């Protein structure tokens, strides 16, 4: 039997990362090359092929204790190796909440 992850066709058109939300506080996190999670986009493992993206995503999905909702997101690698979000959604997620939370 083929897993749903293997059935999904993953096509990437440039540098990409795997992102998710940390389970204990909901923070945006990025999958790192050492198979961990970091809140810093600069620490993210950057992939450039569909096969590499699929493998990194599979690792992220398997770690449902550390983070949930893993998916592949585009990034831009600027001059000097600076990594920035590659689309509007990821730019918004990287900045944090878009509303003020009410006091508890």
C-alpha atoms as a PDB file:
ATOM      1  CA  UNK A   1       0.000   0.000   0.000  1.00  0.00           C
ATOM      2  CA  UNK A   2       1.266   3.472  -0.859  1.00  0.00           C
ATOM      3  CA  UNK A   3       1.052   6.187   1.778  1.00  0.00           C
ATOM      4  CA  UNK A   4      -0.921   9.361   0.980  1.00  0.00           C
ATOM      5  CA  UNK A   5       2.330  11.313   1.229  1.00  0.00           C
ATOM      6  CA  UNK A   6       3.903   9.218  -1.536  1.00  0.00           C
ATOM      7  CA  UNK A   7       0.785   9.548  -3.681  1.00  0.00           C
ATOM      8  CA  UNK A   8       0.818  13.334  -3.516  1.00  0.00           C
ATOM      9  CA  UNK A   9       2.659  14.834  -6.456  1.00  0.00           C
ATOM     10  CA  UNK A  10       5.083  17.400  -5.161  1.00  0.00           C
ATOM     11  CA  UNK A  11       6.400  19.905  -7.663  1.00  0.00           C
ATOM     12  CA  UNK A  12       8.631  22.722  -6.563  1.00  0.00           C
ATOM     13  CA  UNK A  13       9.926  25.474  -8.790  1.00  0.00           C
ATOM     14  CA  UNK A  14      12.692  26.872  -6.625  1.00  0.00           C
ATOM     15  CA  UNK A  15      14.218  26.770  -3.176  1.00  0.00           C
ATOM     16  CA  UNK A  16      11.769  25.434  -0.593  1.00  0.00           C
ATOM     17  CA  UNK A  17      11.557  24.577   3.106  1.00  0.00           C
ATOM     18  CA  UNK A  18       9.258  22.549   5.313  1.00  0.00           C
ATOM     19  CA  UNK A  19       7.299  24.599   7.816  1.00  0.00           C
ATOM     20  CA  UNK A  20       4.760  23.729  10.506  1.00  0.00           C
ATOM     21  CA  UNK A  21       3.449  24.935  13.845  1.00  0.00           C
ATOM     22  CA  UNK A  22       5.054  23.904  17.124  1.00  0.00           C
ATOM     23  CA  UNK A  23       2.649  21.816  19.172  1.00  0.00           C
ATOM     24  CA  UNK A  24       3.072  23.420  22.579  1.00  0.00           C
ATOM     25  CA  UNK A  25       2.666  27.087  21.614  1.00  0.00           C
ATOM     26  CA  UNK A  26       1.689  27.249  17.942  1.00  0.00           C
ATOM     27  CA  UNK A  27       4.834  29.094  16.878  1.00  0.00           C
ATOM     28  CA  UNK A  28       5.865  28.889  13.231  1.00  0.00           C
ATOM     29  CA  UNK A  29       8.797  26.498  12.914  1.00  0.00           C
ATOM     30  CA  UNK A  30      11.028  25.283  10.102  1.00  0.00           C
ATOM     31  CA  UNK A  31      12.546  21.825   9.630  1.00  0.00           C
ATOM     32  CA  UNK A  32      16.336  21.907  10.002  1.00  0.00           C
ATOM     33  CA  UNK A  33      19.005  19.781   8.353  1.00  0.00           C
ATOM     34  CA  UNK A  34      19.688  18.049  11.679  1.00  0.00           C
ATOM     35  CA  UNK A  35      16.062  16.818  11.790  1.00  0.00           C
ATOM     36  CA  UNK A  36      14.913  19.338  14.365  1.00  0.00           C
ATOM     37  CA  UNK A  37      12.699  22.410  14.302  1.00  0.00           C
ATOM     38  CA  UNK A  38      13.705  26.055  14.565  1.00  0.00           C
ATOM     39  CA  UNK A  39      11.726  29.285  14.755  1.00  0.00           C
ATOM     40  CA  UNK A  40      14.405  30.941  12.599  1.00  0.00           C
ATOM     41  CA  UNK A  41      13.943  30.690   8.848  1.00  0.00           C
ATOM     42  CA  UNK A  42      17.708  31.062   8.472  1.00  0.00           C
ATOM     43  CA  UNK A  43      18.118  27.662  10.206  1.00  0.00           C
ATOM     44  CA  UNK A  44      15.795  25.834   7.787  1.00  0.00           C
ATOM     45  CA  UNK A  45      17.011  23.063   5.511  1.00  0.00           C
ATOM     46  CA  UNK A  46      16.552  24.348   1.972  1.00  0.00           C
ATOM     47  CA  UNK A  47      15.730  21.856  -0.773  1.00  0.00           C
ATOM     48  CA  UNK A  48      15.658  22.311  -4.509  1.00  0.00           C
ATOM     49  CA  UNK A  49      14.148  19.115  -5.884  1.00  0.00           C
ATOM     50  CA  UNK A  50      10.810  17.405  -5.490  1.00  0.00           C
ATOM     51  CA  UNK A  51      12.455  14.239  -4.153  1.00  0.00           C
ATOM     52  CA  UNK A  52      14.360  16.170  -1.479  1.00  0.00           C
ATOM     53  CA  UNK A  53      11.208  18.117  -0.586  1.00  0.00           C
ATOM     54  CA  UNK A  54       9.206  14.899  -0.288  1.00  0.00           C
ATOM     55  CA  UNK A  55      11.833  13.349   2.017  1.00  0.00           C
ATOM     56  CA  UNK A  56      12.061  16.431   4.242  1.00  0.00           C
ATOM     57  CA  UNK A  57       8.272  16.680   4.404  1.00  0.00           C
ATOM     58  CA  UNK A  58       7.973  12.996   5.362  1.00  0.00           C
ATOM     59  CA  UNK A  59      10.359  13.591   8.274  1.00  0.00           C
ATOM     60  CA  UNK A  60       8.389  16.624   9.382  1.00  0.00           C
ATOM     61  CA  UNK A  61       5.033  14.861   9.200  1.00  0.00           C
ATOM     62  CA  UNK A  62       6.427  11.911  11.178  1.00  0.00           C
ATOM     63  CA  UNK A  63       7.399  14.276  14.018  1.00  0.00           C
ATOM     64  CA  UNK A  64       3.839  15.041  15.084  1.00  0.00           C
ATOM     65  CA  UNK A  65       4.952  15.445  18.698  1.00  0.00           C
ATOM     66  CA  UNK A  66       7.165  18.464  17.977  1.00  0.00           C
ATOM     67  CA  UNK A  67       5.130  20.129  15.253  1.00  0.00           C
ATOM     68  CA  UNK A  68       1.885  19.719  13.324  1.00  0.00           C
ATOM     69  CA  UNK A  69       0.595  20.687   9.915  1.00  0.00           C
ATOM     70  CA  UNK A  70       3.903  20.366   8.075  1.00  0.00           C
ATOM     71  CA  UNK A  71       3.985  21.482   4.460  1.00  0.00           C
ATOM     72  CA  UNK A  72       6.413  22.694   1.810  1.00  0.00           C
ATOM     73  CA  UNK A  73       6.815  26.446   1.408  1.00  0.00           C
ATOM     74  CA  UNK A  74       8.795  28.481  -1.120  1.00  0.00           C
ATOM     75  CA  UNK A  75      11.676  30.692  -0.053  1.00  0.00           C
ATOM     76  CA  UNK A  76      13.952  33.180  -1.750  1.00  0.00           C
ATOM     77  CA  UNK A  77      17.683  33.018  -1.200  1.00  0.00           C
ATOM     78  CA  UNK A  78      19.004  36.548  -1.558  1.00  0.00           C
ATOM     79  CA  UNK A  79      22.530  37.756  -2.132  1.00  0.00           C
ATOM     80  CA  UNK A  80      24.790  36.755   0.712  1.00  0.00           C
ATOM     81  CA  UNK A  81      22.649  33.695   1.512  1.00  0.00           C
ATOM     82  CA  UNK A  82      19.871  35.611   3.301  1.00  0.00           C
ATOM     83  CA  UNK A  83      16.708  33.484   3.284  1.00  0.00           C
ATOM     84  CA  UNK A  84      13.324  35.202   3.003  1.00  0.00           C
ATOM     85  CA  UNK A  85       9.753  33.905   2.676  1.00  0.00           C
ATOM     86  CA  UNK A  86       8.859  33.176  -0.937  1.00  0.00           C
ATOM     87  CA  UNK A  87       5.199  34.181  -0.949  1.00  0.00           C
ATOM     88  CA  UNK A  88       2.732  36.427   0.886  1.00  0.00           C
ATOM     89  CA  UNK A  89       1.369  33.693   3.162  1.00  0.00           C
ATOM     90  CA  UNK A  90       4.817  32.774   4.441  1.00  0.00           C
ATOM     91  CA  UNK A  91       5.771  36.421   4.830  1.00  0.00           C
ATOM     92  CA  UNK A  92       2.710  36.947   7.062  1.00  0.00           C
ATOM     93  CA  UNK A  93       3.408  33.754   9.052  1.00  0.00           C
ATOM     94  CA  UNK A  94       7.020  34.821   9.612  1.00  0.00           C
ATOM     95  CA  UNK A  95       5.890  38.084  11.238  1.00  0.00           C
ATOM     96  CA  UNK A  96       3.653  36.422  13.826  1.00  0.00           C
ATOM     97  CA  UNK A  97       0.091  37.236  14.811  1.00  0.00           C
ATOM     98  CA  UNK A  98      -1.842  39.700  12.683  1.00  0.00           C
ATOM     99  CA  UNK A  99      -4.207  40.657  15.527  1.00  0.00           C
ATOM    100  CA  UNK A 100      -3.791  41.695  19.128  1.00  0.00           C
ATOM    101  CA  UNK A 101      -4.816  39.002  21.583  1.00  0.00           C
ATOM    102  CA  UNK A 102      -7.199  39.929  24.363  1.00  0.00           C
ATOM    103  CA  UNK A 103      -5.789  39.698  27.890  1.00  0.00           C
ATOM    104  CA  UNK A 104      -6.488  36.387  29.609  1.00  0.00           C
END
